[in-house]
Amino acid sequence: MKKIEAIIRPHKLDEVREALQEAGFRGLTVTEVKGYGRQMGHSEIYRGSEYTINFLPKTKIDIICADANQDKAIDIILKHAKTGEVGDGKIFVSSVEEVIRVRTEETGEAAV
């Protein structure tokens, strides 16, 4: 099994979530996060004063899926989260050794 962590722009969340649901991905976890990449934040002017915003708001999506569905999930995220501009985010993929559903104690892919 794989864990896919995607850091995306917050306004792209609904589009990505709907596409993943339509493709059969039933569960995901969403977290509001802050960070920066190559753009190193940005400056804004508020009431005549300039402020530097070092950490930009982002949304993190976590999905656990079968190895066979990894490419499908990544393709969906790329298609629906991409704007083509700096700050679109990143996708991280890692292996998951075990999953256990607490309610039923099911394990492995059945627990996903």
PDB file of N, CA and C in Angstrom:
ATOM      1  N   MET A   1       0.841  -1.175   0.000  1.00  0.00           N
ATOM      2  CA  MET A   1       0.000   0.000   0.000  1.00  0.00           C
ATOM      3  C   MET A   1       0.886   1.237   0.000  1.00  0.00           C
ATOM      4  N   LYS A   2       0.331   2.336  -0.451  1.00  0.00           N
ATOM      5  CA  LYS A   2       1.066   3.590  -0.546  1.00  0.00           C
ATOM      6  C   LYS A   2       0.329   4.700   0.193  1.00  0.00           C
ATOM      7  N   LYS A   3       1.101   5.615   0.751  1.00  0.00           N
ATOM      8  CA  LYS A   3       0.553   6.840   1.327  1.00  0.00           C
ATOM      9  C   LYS A   3       0.942   7.971   0.390  1.00  0.00           C
ATOM     10  N   ILE A   4      -0.056   8.667  -0.102  1.00  0.00           N
ATOM     11  CA  ILE A   4       0.172   9.798  -0.985  1.00  0.00           C
ATOM     12  C   ILE A   4      -0.165  11.061  -0.211  1.00  0.00           C
ATOM     13  N   GLU A   5       0.823  11.927  -0.058  1.00  0.00           N
ATOM     14  CA  GLU A   5       0.629  13.213   0.602  1.00  0.00           C
ATOM     15  C   GLU A   5       0.767  14.284  -0.466  1.00  0.00           C
ATOM     16  N   ALA A   6      -0.263  15.073  -0.640  1.00  0.00           N
ATOM     17  CA  ALA A   6      -0.238  16.131  -1.641  1.00  0.00           C
ATOM     18  C   ALA A   6      -0.439  17.470  -0.952  1.00  0.00           C
ATOM     19  N   ILE A   7       0.473  18.395  -1.199  1.00  0.00           N
ATOM     20  CA  ILE A   7       0.351  19.763  -0.710  1.00  0.00           C
ATOM     21  C   ILE A   7      -0.125  20.587  -1.898  1.00  0.00           C
ATOM     22  N   ILE A   8      -1.324  21.171  -1.779  1.00  0.00           N
ATOM     23  CA  ILE A   8      -1.918  21.890  -2.910  1.00  0.00           C
ATOM     24  C   ILE A   8      -2.424  23.259  -2.461  1.00  0.00           C
ATOM     25  N   ARG A   9      -2.842  24.049  -3.424  1.00  0.00           N
ATOM     26  CA  ARG A   9      -3.461  25.340  -3.126  1.00  0.00           C
ATOM     27  C   ARG A   9      -4.842  25.085  -2.510  1.00  0.00           C
ATOM     28  N   PRO A  10      -5.200  25.856  -1.473  1.00  0.00           N
ATOM     29  CA  PRO A  10      -6.483  25.623  -0.791  1.00  0.00           C
ATOM     30  C   PRO A  10      -7.707  25.694  -1.710  1.00  0.00           C
ATOM     31  N   HIS A  11      -7.701  26.599  -2.685  1.00  0.00           N
ATOM     32  CA  HIS A  11      -8.884  26.740  -3.541  1.00  0.00           C
ATOM     33  C   HIS A  11      -9.052  25.587  -4.530  1.00  0.00           C
ATOM     34  N   LYS A  12      -8.063  24.699  -4.619  1.00  0.00           N
ATOM     35  CA  LYS A  12      -8.146  23.542  -5.508  1.00  0.00           C
ATOM     36  C   LYS A  12      -8.679  22.294  -4.801  1.00  0.00           C
ATOM     37  N   LEU A  13      -8.899  22.382  -3.489  1.00  0.00           N
ATOM     38  CA  LEU A  13      -9.290  21.205  -2.707  1.00  0.00           C
ATOM     39  C   LEU A  13     -10.575  20.563  -3.204  1.00  0.00           C
ATOM     40  N   ASP A  14     -11.630  21.327  -3.378  1.00  0.00           N
ATOM     41  CA  ASP A  14     -12.917  20.746  -3.776  1.00  0.00           C
ATOM     42  C   ASP A  14     -12.821  20.039  -5.126  1.00  0.00           C
ATOM     43  N   GLU A  15     -12.114  20.642  -6.054  1.00  0.00           N
ATOM     44  CA  GLU A  15     -11.958  20.044  -7.383  1.00  0.00           C
ATOM     45  C   GLU A  15     -11.213  18.704  -7.295  1.00  0.00           C
ATOM     46  N   VAL A  16     -10.131  18.676  -6.514  1.00  0.00           N
ATOM     47  CA  VAL A  16      -9.351  17.444  -6.343  1.00  0.00           C
ATOM     48  C   VAL A  16     -10.175  16.388  -5.607  1.00  0.00           C
ATOM     49  N   ARG A  17     -10.841  16.780  -4.534  1.00  0.00           N
ATOM     50  CA  ARG A  17     -11.643  15.844  -3.736  1.00  0.00           C
ATOM     51  C   ARG A  17     -12.742  15.202  -4.575  1.00  0.00           C
ATOM     52  N   GLU A  18     -13.467  16.018  -5.343  1.00  0.00           N
ATOM     53  CA  GLU A  18     -14.550  15.489  -6.182  1.00  0.00           C
ATOM     54  C   GLU A  18     -14.017  14.506  -7.220  1.00  0.00           C
ATOM     55  N   ALA A  19     -12.892  14.824  -7.834  1.00  0.00           N
ATOM     56  CA  ALA A  19     -12.312  13.933  -8.842  1.00  0.00           C
ATOM     57  C   ALA A  19     -11.858  12.617  -8.218  1.00  0.00           C
ATOM     58  N   LEU A  20     -11.276  12.681  -7.027  1.00  0.00           N
ATOM     59  CA  LEU A  20     -10.853  11.449  -6.344  1.00  0.00           C
ATOM     60  C   LEU A  20     -12.060  10.596  -5.971  1.00  0.00           C
ATOM     61  N   GLN A  21     -13.136  11.231  -5.494  1.00  0.00           N
ATOM     62  CA  GLN A  21     -14.347  10.482  -5.149  1.00  0.00           C
ATOM     63  C   GLN A  21     -14.935   9.802  -6.368  1.00  0.00           C
ATOM     64  N   GLU A  22     -15.014  10.521  -7.487  1.00  0.00           N
ATOM     65  CA  GLU A  22     -15.567   9.948  -8.717  1.00  0.00           C
ATOM     66  C   GLU A  22     -14.734   8.761  -9.198  1.00  0.00           C
ATOM     67  N   ALA A  23     -13.438   8.780  -8.899  1.00  0.00           N
ATOM     68  CA  ALA A  23     -12.556   7.695  -9.336  1.00  0.00           C
ATOM     69  C   ALA A  23     -12.566   6.516  -8.371  1.00  0.00           C
ATOM     70  N   GLY A  24     -13.315   6.640  -7.269  1.00  0.00           N
ATOM     71  CA  GLY A  24     -13.445   5.515  -6.358  1.00  0.00           C
ATOM     72  C   GLY A  24     -12.587   5.568  -5.112  1.00  0.00           C
ATOM     73  N   PHE A  25     -11.875   6.652  -4.891  1.00  0.00           N
ATOM     74  CA  PHE A  25     -11.094   6.801  -3.668  1.00  0.00           C
ATOM     75  C   PHE A  25     -12.044   7.264  -2.576  1.00  0.00           C
ATOM     76  N   ARG A  26     -12.304   6.386  -1.618  1.00  0.00           N
ATOM     77  CA  ARG A  26     -13.354   6.642  -0.636  1.00  0.00           C
ATOM     78  C   ARG A  26     -12.901   7.466   0.549  1.00  0.00           C
ATOM     79  N   GLY A  27     -11.664   7.359   0.965  1.00  0.00           N
ATOM     80  CA  GLY A  27     -11.242   8.062   2.162  1.00  0.00           C
ATOM     81  C   GLY A  27     -10.028   8.931   1.932  1.00  0.00           C
ATOM     82  N   LEU A  28     -10.037  10.081   2.559  1.00  0.00           N
ATOM     83  CA  LEU A  28      -8.864  10.941   2.543  1.00  0.00           C
ATOM     84  C   LEU A  28      -8.892  11.824   3.775  1.00  0.00           C
ATOM     85  N   THR A  29      -7.748  12.330   4.142  1.00  0.00           N
ATOM     86  CA  THR A  29      -7.623  13.237   5.268  1.00  0.00           C
ATOM     87  C   THR A  29      -7.125  14.567   4.744  1.00  0.00           C
ATOM     88  N   VAL A  30      -7.721  15.648   5.221  1.00  0.00           N
ATOM     89  CA  VAL A  30      -7.350  16.992   4.773  1.00  0.00           C
ATOM     90  C   VAL A  30      -6.883  17.799   5.978  1.00  0.00           C
ATOM     91  N   THR A  31      -5.758  18.476   5.820  1.00  0.00           N
ATOM     92  CA  THR A  31      -5.192  19.300   6.874  1.00  0.00           C
ATOM     93  C   THR A  31      -4.835  20.665   6.300  1.00  0.00           C
ATOM     94  N   GLU A  32      -5.164  21.715   7.035  1.00  0.00           N
ATOM     95  CA  GLU A  32      -4.726  23.051   6.645  1.00  0.00           C
ATOM     96  C   GLU A  32      -3.309  23.228   7.169  1.00  0.00           C
ATOM     97  N   VAL A  33      -2.376  23.553   6.280  1.00  0.00           N
ATOM     98  CA  VAL A  33      -0.977  23.701   6.644  1.00  0.00           C
ATOM     99  C   VAL A  33      -0.441  25.031   6.127  1.00  0.00           C
ATOM    100  N   LYS A  34       0.732  25.403   6.590  1.00  0.00           N
ATOM    101  CA  LYS A  34       1.414  26.601   6.102  1.00  0.00           C
ATOM    102  C   LYS A  34       2.838  26.223   5.765  1.00  0.00           C
ATOM    103  N   GLY A  35       3.383  26.858   4.754  1.00  0.00           N
ATOM    104  CA  GLY A  35       4.753  26.568   4.383  1.00  0.00           C
ATOM    105  C   GLY A  35       5.204  27.436   3.235  1.00  0.00           C
ATOM    106  N   TYR A  36       6.413  27.161   2.758  1.00  0.00           N
ATOM    107  CA  TYR A  36       6.910  27.861   1.588  1.00  0.00           C
ATOM    108  C   TYR A  36       7.883  26.966   0.849  1.00  0.00           C
ATOM    109  N   GLY A  37       8.033  27.257  -0.405  1.00  0.00           N
ATOM    110  CA  GLY A  37       8.965  26.531  -1.248  1.00  0.00           C
ATOM    111  C   GLY A  37       9.913  27.526  -1.891  1.00  0.00           C
ATOM    112  N   ARG A  38      10.088  27.415  -3.162  1.00  0.00           N
ATOM    113  CA  ARG A  38      11.009  28.298  -3.865  1.00  0.00           C
ATOM    114  C   ARG A  38      10.559  29.757  -3.852  1.00  0.00           C
ATOM    115  N   GLN A  39       9.255  29.995  -3.734  1.00  0.00           N
ATOM    116  CA  GLN A  39       8.774  31.367  -3.783  1.00  0.00           C
ATOM    117  C   GLN A  39       9.099  32.135  -2.505  1.00  0.00           C
ATOM    118  N   MET A  40       9.452  31.418  -1.420  1.00  0.00           N
ATOM    119  CA  MET A  40       9.870  32.027  -0.155  1.00  0.00           C
ATOM    120  C   MET A  40       8.870  33.038   0.390  1.00  0.00           C
ATOM    121  N   GLY A  41       7.591  32.773   0.258  1.00  0.00           N
ATOM    122  CA  GLY A  41       6.565  33.686   0.760  1.00  0.00           C
ATOM    123  C   GLY A  41       6.349  34.841  -0.198  1.00  0.00           C
ATOM    124  N   HIS A  42       5.697  35.884   0.285  1.00  0.00           N
ATOM    125  CA  HIS A  42       5.482  37.060  -0.541  1.00  0.00           C
ATOM    126  C   HIS A  42       5.188  38.265   0.339  1.00  0.00           C
ATOM    127  N   SER A  43       5.179  39.451  -0.278  1.00  0.00           N
ATOM    128  CA  SER A  43       4.890  40.680   0.457  1.00  0.00           C
ATOM    129  C   SER A  43       3.516  41.198   0.074  1.00  0.00           C
ATOM    130  N   GLU A  44       2.833  41.770   1.055  1.00  0.00           N
ATOM    131  CA  GLU A  44       1.532  42.393   0.815  1.00  0.00           C
ATOM    132  C   GLU A  44       1.532  43.771   1.448  1.00  0.00           C
ATOM    133  N   ILE A  45       0.730  44.660   0.882  1.00  0.00           N
ATOM    134  CA  ILE A  45       0.583  45.994   1.454  1.00  0.00           C
ATOM    135  C   ILE A  45      -0.799  46.090   2.070  1.00  0.00           C
ATOM    136  N   TYR A  46      -0.839  46.438   3.363  1.00  0.00           N
ATOM    137  CA  TYR A  46      -2.090  46.565   4.088  1.00  0.00           C
ATOM    138  C   TYR A  46      -2.095  47.915   4.792  1.00  0.00           C
ATOM    139  N   ARG A  47      -3.065  48.752   4.431  1.00  0.00           N
ATOM    140  CA  ARG A  47      -3.175  50.107   4.995  1.00  0.00           C
ATOM    141  C   ARG A  47      -1.880  50.876   4.905  1.00  0.00           C
ATOM    142  N   GLY A  48      -1.234  50.780   3.762  1.00  0.00           N
ATOM    143  CA  GLY A  48      -0.029  51.545   3.499  1.00  0.00           C
ATOM    144  C   GLY A  48       1.262  50.945   4.021  1.00  0.00           C
ATOM    145  N   SER A  49       1.200  49.868   4.769  1.00  0.00           N
ATOM    146  CA  SER A  49       2.404  49.228   5.296  1.00  0.00           C
ATOM    147  C   SER A  49       2.640  47.905   4.585  1.00  0.00           C
ATOM    148  N   GLU A  50       3.894  47.633   4.314  1.00  0.00           N
ATOM    149  CA  GLU A  50       4.246  46.384   3.640  1.00  0.00           C
ATOM    150  C   GLU A  50       4.537  45.305   4.676  1.00  0.00           C
ATOM    151  N   TYR A  51       3.943  44.136   4.471  1.00  0.00           N
ATOM    152  CA  TYR A  51       4.131  42.994   5.356  1.00  0.00           C
ATOM    153  C   TYR A  51       4.683  41.837   4.552  1.00  0.00           C
ATOM    154  N   THR A  52       5.633  41.137   5.131  1.00  0.00           N
ATOM    155  CA  THR A  52       6.178  39.946   4.493  1.00  0.00           C
ATOM    156  C   THR A  52       5.491  38.725   5.097  1.00  0.00           C
ATOM    157  N   ILE A  53       4.921  37.915   4.226  1.00  0.00           N
ATOM    158  CA  ILE A  53       4.267  36.683   4.656  1.00  0.00           C
ATOM    159  C   ILE A  53       5.195  35.529   4.285  1.00  0.00           C
ATOM    160  N   ASN A  54       5.822  34.950   5.311  1.00  0.00           N
ATOM    161  CA  ASN A  54       6.809  33.898   5.073  1.00  0.00           C
ATOM    162  C   ASN A  54       6.169  32.538   4.823  1.00  0.00           C
ATOM    163  N   PHE A  55       5.088  32.251   5.529  1.00  0.00           N
ATOM    164  CA  PHE A  55       4.430  30.960   5.390  1.00  0.00           C
ATOM    165  C   PHE A  55       3.099  31.154   4.687  1.00  0.00           C
ATOM    166  N   LEU A  56       2.947  30.486   3.560  1.00  0.00           N
ATOM    167  CA  LEU A  56       1.729  30.604   2.763  1.00  0.00           C
ATOM    168  C   LEU A  56       0.750  29.504   3.135  1.00  0.00           C
ATOM    169  N   PRO A  57      -0.550  29.794   3.147  1.00  0.00           N
ATOM    170  CA  PRO A  57      -1.536  28.754   3.460  1.00  0.00           C
ATOM    171  C   PRO A  57      -1.626  27.730   2.331  1.00  0.00           C
ATOM    172  N   LYS A  58      -1.597  26.483   2.699  1.00  0.00           N
ATOM    173  CA  LYS A  58      -1.714  25.364   1.760  1.00  0.00           C
ATOM    174  C   LYS A  58      -2.664  24.334   2.359  1.00  0.00           C
ATOM    175  N   THR A  59      -3.032  23.363   1.563  1.00  0.00           N
ATOM    176  CA  THR A  59      -3.872  22.267   2.021  1.00  0.00           C
ATOM    177  C   THR A  59      -3.132  20.960   1.759  1.00  0.00           C
ATOM    178  N   LYS A  60      -3.130  20.092   2.764  1.00  0.00           N
ATOM    179  CA  LYS A  60      -2.468  18.792   2.630  1.00  0.00           C
ATOM    180  C   LYS A  60      -3.528  17.707   2.574  1.00  0.00           C
ATOM    181  N   ILE A  61      -3.430  16.868   1.566  1.00  0.00           N
ATOM    182  CA  ILE A  61      -4.337  15.735   1.395  1.00  0.00           C
ATOM    183  C   ILE A  61      -3.531  14.464   1.599  1.00  0.00           C
ATOM    184  N   ASP A  62      -4.019  13.575   2.465  1.00  0.00           N
ATOM    185  CA  ASP A  62      -3.401  12.265   2.680  1.00  0.00           C
ATOM    186  C   ASP A  62      -4.346  11.186   2.177  1.00  0.00           C
ATOM    187  N   ILE A  63      -3.814  10.288   1.363  1.00  0.00           N
ATOM    188  CA  ILE A  63      -4.595   9.171   0.833  1.00  0.00           C
ATOM    189  C   ILE A  63      -3.768   7.902   1.013  1.00  0.00           C
ATOM    190  N   ILE A  64      -4.396   6.841   1.511  1.00  0.00           N
ATOM    191  CA  ILE A  64      -3.768   5.525   1.550  1.00  0.00           C
ATOM    192  C   ILE A  64      -4.474   4.683   0.491  1.00  0.00           C
ATOM    193  N   CYS A  65      -3.703   4.083  -0.398  1.00  0.00           N
ATOM    194  CA  CYS A  65      -4.322   3.298  -1.472  1.00  0.00           C
ATOM    195  C   CYS A  65      -3.474   2.069  -1.790  1.00  0.00           C
ATOM    196  N   ALA A  66      -4.066   1.168  -2.532  1.00  0.00           N
ATOM    197  CA  ALA A  66      -3.351  -0.019  -3.006  1.00  0.00           C
ATOM    198  C   ALA A  66      -2.261   0.418  -3.988  1.00  0.00           C
ATOM    199  N   ASP A  67      -1.188  -0.346  -4.052  1.00  0.00           N
ATOM    200  CA  ASP A  67      -0.094  -0.031  -4.978  1.00  0.00           C
ATOM    201  C   ASP A  67      -0.596   0.177  -6.399  1.00  0.00           C
ATOM    202  N   ALA A  68      -1.574  -0.637  -6.799  1.00  0.00           N
ATOM    203  CA  ALA A  68      -2.094  -0.570  -8.169  1.00  0.00           C
ATOM    204  C   ALA A  68      -2.816   0.740  -8.461  1.00  0.00           C
ATOM    205  N   ASN A  69      -3.284   1.436  -7.427  1.00  0.00           N
ATOM    206  CA  ASN A  69      -4.024   2.690  -7.624  1.00  0.00           C
ATOM    207  C   ASN A  69      -3.176   3.938  -7.461  1.00  0.00           C
ATOM    208  N   GLN A  70      -1.910   3.769  -7.173  1.00  0.00           N
ATOM    209  CA  GLN A  70      -1.020   4.905  -6.926  1.00  0.00           C
ATOM    210  C   GLN A  70      -0.972   5.866  -8.109  1.00  0.00           C
ATOM    211  N   ASP A  71      -0.697   5.360  -9.296  1.00  0.00           N
ATOM    212  CA  ASP A  71      -0.569   6.226 -10.470  1.00  0.00           C
ATOM    213  C   ASP A  71      -1.872   6.937 -10.791  1.00  0.00           C
ATOM    214  N   LYS A  72      -2.981   6.255 -10.600  1.00  0.00           N
ATOM    215  CA  LYS A  72      -4.296   6.844 -10.847  1.00  0.00           C
ATOM    216  C   LYS A  72      -4.531   8.042  -9.927  1.00  0.00           C
ATOM    217  N   ALA A  73      -4.229   7.880  -8.638  1.00  0.00           N
ATOM    218  CA  ALA A  73      -4.416   8.970  -7.672  1.00  0.00           C
ATOM    219  C   ALA A  73      -3.505  10.147  -7.993  1.00  0.00           C
ATOM    220  N   ILE A  74      -2.262   9.864  -8.319  1.00  0.00           N
ATOM    221  CA  ILE A  74      -1.316  10.932  -8.648  1.00  0.00           C
ATOM    222  C   ILE A  74      -1.759  11.687  -9.889  1.00  0.00           C
ATOM    223  N   ASP A  75      -2.192  10.966 -10.921  1.00  0.00           N
ATOM    224  CA  ASP A  75      -2.666  11.620 -12.148  1.00  0.00           C
ATOM    225  C   ASP A  75      -3.849  12.535 -11.875  1.00  0.00           C
ATOM    226  N   ILE A  76      -4.772  12.095 -11.033  1.00  0.00           N
ATOM    227  CA  ILE A  76      -5.946  12.904 -10.701  1.00  0.00           C
ATOM    228  C   ILE A  76      -5.528  14.178  -9.966  1.00  0.00           C
ATOM    229  N   ILE A  77      -4.641  14.032  -9.001  1.00  0.00           N
ATOM    230  CA  ILE A  77      -4.186  15.202  -8.247  1.00  0.00           C
ATOM    231  C   ILE A  77      -3.468  16.182  -9.165  1.00  0.00           C
ATOM    232  N   LEU A  78      -2.580  15.672  -9.998  1.00  0.00           N
ATOM    233  CA  LEU A  78      -1.857  16.551 -10.924  1.00  0.00           C
ATOM    234  C   LEU A  78      -2.812  17.291 -11.862  1.00  0.00           C
ATOM    235  N   LYS A  79      -3.765  16.574 -12.409  1.00  0.00           N
ATOM    236  CA  LYS A  79      -4.697  17.173 -13.367  1.00  0.00           C
ATOM    237  C   LYS A  79      -5.546  18.272 -12.737  1.00  0.00           C
ATOM    238  N   HIS A  80      -5.993  18.052 -11.505  1.00  0.00           N
ATOM    239  CA  HIS A  80      -6.959  18.982 -10.910  1.00  0.00           C
ATOM    240  C   HIS A  80      -6.338  20.025  -9.983  1.00  0.00           C
ATOM    241  N   ALA A  81      -5.077  19.867  -9.586  1.00  0.00           N
ATOM    242  CA  ALA A  81      -4.445  20.834  -8.688  1.00  0.00           C
ATOM    243  C   ALA A  81      -3.492  21.779  -9.411  1.00  0.00           C
ATOM    244  N   LYS A  82      -3.129  21.439 -10.623  1.00  0.00           N
ATOM    245  CA  LYS A  82      -2.115  22.200 -11.349  1.00  0.00           C
ATOM    246  C   LYS A  82      -2.678  23.486 -11.949  1.00  0.00           C
ATOM    247  N   THR A  83      -1.963  24.598 -11.687  1.00  0.00           N
ATOM    248  CA  THR A  83      -2.295  25.866 -12.346  1.00  0.00           C
ATOM    249  C   THR A  83      -1.184  26.271 -13.312  1.00  0.00           C
ATOM    250  N   GLY A  84      -0.007  25.660 -13.150  1.00  0.00           N
ATOM    251  CA  GLY A  84       1.122  25.993 -14.003  1.00  0.00           C
ATOM    252  C   GLY A  84       1.972  27.125 -13.454  1.00  0.00           C
ATOM    253  N   GLU A  85       1.659  27.594 -12.254  1.00  0.00           N
ATOM    254  CA  GLU A  85       2.404  28.695 -11.657  1.00  0.00           C
ATOM    255  C   GLU A  85       3.166  28.221 -10.428  1.00  0.00           C
ATOM    256  N   VAL A  86       4.164  29.004 -10.014  1.00  0.00           N
ATOM    257  CA  VAL A  86       4.938  28.684  -8.823  1.00  0.00           C
ATOM    258  C   VAL A  86       3.996  28.587  -7.625  1.00  0.00           C
ATOM    259  N   GLY A  87       4.185  27.566  -6.810  1.00  0.00           N
ATOM    260  CA  GLY A  87       3.365  27.410  -5.618  1.00  0.00           C
ATOM    261  C   GLY A  87       2.246  26.402  -5.755  1.00  0.00           C
ATOM    262  N   ASP A  88       2.235  25.630  -6.844  1.00  0.00           N
ATOM    263  CA  ASP A  88       1.196  24.614  -7.034  1.00  0.00           C
ATOM    264  C   ASP A  88       1.291  23.485  -6.017  1.00  0.00           C
ATOM    265  N   GLY A  89       2.477  23.245  -5.452  1.00  0.00           N
ATOM    266  CA  GLY A  89       2.605  22.243  -4.405  1.00  0.00           C
ATOM    267  C   GLY A  89       3.500  21.086  -4.771  1.00  0.00           C
ATOM    268  N   LYS A  90       3.390  20.027  -3.973  1.00  0.00           N
ATOM    269  CA  LYS A  90       4.205  18.827  -4.145  1.00  0.00           C
ATOM    270  C   LYS A  90       3.367  17.597  -3.831  1.00  0.00           C
ATOM    271  N   ILE A  91       3.825  16.454  -4.341  1.00  0.00           N
ATOM    272  CA  ILE A  91       3.221  15.169  -4.011  1.00  0.00           C
ATOM    273  C   ILE A  91       4.343  14.265  -3.499  1.00  0.00           C
ATOM    274  N   PHE A  92       4.106  13.652  -2.337  1.00  0.00           N
ATOM    275  CA  PHE A  92       5.061  12.722  -1.745  1.00  0.00           C
ATOM    276  C   PHE A  92       4.407  11.347  -1.681  1.00  0.00           C
ATOM    277  N   VAL A  93       5.164  10.316  -2.036  1.00  0.00           N
ATOM    278  CA  VAL A  93       4.651   8.953  -2.008  1.00  0.00           C
ATOM    279  C   VAL A  93       5.568   8.124  -1.115  1.00  0.00           C
ATOM    280  N   SER A  94       4.961   7.395  -0.187  1.00  0.00           N
ATOM    281  CA  SER A  94       5.738   6.517   0.685  1.00  0.00           C
ATOM    282  C   SER A  94       4.997   5.197   0.869  1.00  0.00           C
ATOM    283  N   SER A  95       5.732   4.195   1.284  1.00  0.00           N
ATOM    284  CA  SER A  95       5.142   2.873   1.504  1.00  0.00           C
ATOM    285  C   SER A  95       4.497   2.803   2.880  1.00  0.00           C
ATOM    286  N   VAL A  96       3.396   2.048   2.951  1.00  0.00           N
ATOM    287  CA  VAL A  96       2.688   1.823   4.210  1.00  0.00           C
ATOM    288  C   VAL A  96       2.800   0.342   4.522  1.00  0.00           C
ATOM    289  N   GLU A  97       3.314   0.036   5.679  1.00  0.00           N
ATOM    290  CA  GLU A  97       3.496  -1.364   6.061  1.00  0.00           C
ATOM    291  C   GLU A  97       2.195  -2.029   6.470  1.00  0.00           C
ATOM    292  N   GLU A  98       1.370  -1.321   7.220  1.00  0.00           N
ATOM    293  CA  GLU A  98       0.153  -1.933   7.741  1.00  0.00           C
ATOM    294  C   GLU A  98      -0.913  -0.871   7.983  1.00  0.00           C
ATOM    295  N   VAL A  99      -2.165  -1.277   7.794  1.00  0.00           N
ATOM    296  CA  VAL A  99      -3.316  -0.437   8.114  1.00  0.00           C
ATOM    297  C   VAL A  99      -4.262  -1.297   8.943  1.00  0.00           C
ATOM    298  N   ILE A 100      -4.791  -0.718  10.009  1.00  0.00           N
ATOM    299  CA  ILE A 100      -5.735  -1.438  10.865  1.00  0.00           C
ATOM    300  C   ILE A 100      -6.947  -0.547  11.103  1.00  0.00           C
ATOM    301  N   ARG A 101      -8.119  -1.041  10.770  1.00  0.00           N
ATOM    302  CA  ARG A 101      -9.357  -0.313  11.056  1.00  0.00           C
ATOM    303  C   ARG A 101      -9.693  -0.566  12.526  1.00  0.00           C
ATOM    304  N   VAL A 102      -9.793   0.481  13.307  1.00  0.00           N
ATOM    305  CA  VAL A 102      -9.996   0.359  14.751  1.00  0.00           C
ATOM    306  C   VAL A 102     -11.325  -0.314  15.074  1.00  0.00           C
ATOM    307  N   ARG A 103     -12.395   0.084  14.411  1.00  0.00           N
ATOM    308  CA  ARG A 103     -13.741  -0.436  14.731  1.00  0.00           C
ATOM    309  C   ARG A 103     -13.843  -1.935  14.556  1.00  0.00           C
ATOM    310  N   THR A 104     -13.329  -2.458  13.432  1.00  0.00           N
ATOM    311  CA  THR A 104     -13.528  -3.882  13.111  1.00  0.00           C
ATOM    312  C   THR A 104     -12.256  -4.720  13.255  1.00  0.00           C
ATOM    313  N   GLU A 105     -11.139  -4.044  13.439  1.00  0.00           N
ATOM    314  CA  GLU A 105      -9.831  -4.688  13.518  1.00  0.00           C
ATOM    315  C   GLU A 105      -9.408  -5.336  12.199  1.00  0.00           C
ATOM    316  N   GLU A 106     -10.042  -4.952  11.088  1.00  0.00           N
ATOM    317  CA  GLU A 106      -9.606  -5.420   9.772  1.00  0.00           C
ATOM    318  C   GLU A 106      -8.206  -4.885   9.528  1.00  0.00           C
ATOM    319  N   THR A 107      -7.430  -5.617   8.733  1.00  0.00           N
ATOM    320  CA  THR A 107      -6.074  -5.197   8.425  1.00  0.00           C
ATOM    321  C   THR A 107      -5.837  -5.185   6.928  1.00  0.00           C
ATOM    322  N   GLY A 108      -4.753  -4.561   6.526  1.00  0.00           N
ATOM    323  CA  GLY A 108      -4.356  -4.526   5.127  1.00  0.00           C
ATOM    324  C   GLY A 108      -5.295  -3.677   4.279  1.00  0.00           C
ATOM    325  N   GLU A 109      -5.393  -4.032   3.005  1.00  0.00           N
ATOM    326  CA  GLU A 109      -6.208  -3.258   2.064  1.00  0.00           C
ATOM    327  C   GLU A 109      -7.683  -3.260   2.424  1.00  0.00           C
ATOM    328  N   ALA A 110      -8.144  -4.275   3.127  1.00  0.00           N
ATOM    329  CA  ALA A 110      -9.555  -4.320   3.562  1.00  0.00           C
ATOM    330  C   ALA A 110      -9.862  -3.196   4.534  1.00  0.00           C
ATOM    331  N   ALA A 111      -8.857  -2.715   5.242  1.00  0.00           N
ATOM    332  CA  ALA A 111      -9.044  -1.651   6.223  1.00  0.00           C
ATOM    333  C   ALA A 111      -9.074  -0.273   5.583  1.00  0.00           C
ATOM    334  N   VAL A 112      -8.605  -0.199   4.353  1.00  0.00           N
ATOM    335  CA  VAL A 112      -8.584   1.090   3.658  1.00  0.00           C
ATOM    336  C   VAL A 112      -9.965   1.353   3.115  1.00  0.00           C
TER     337      VAL A 112
END
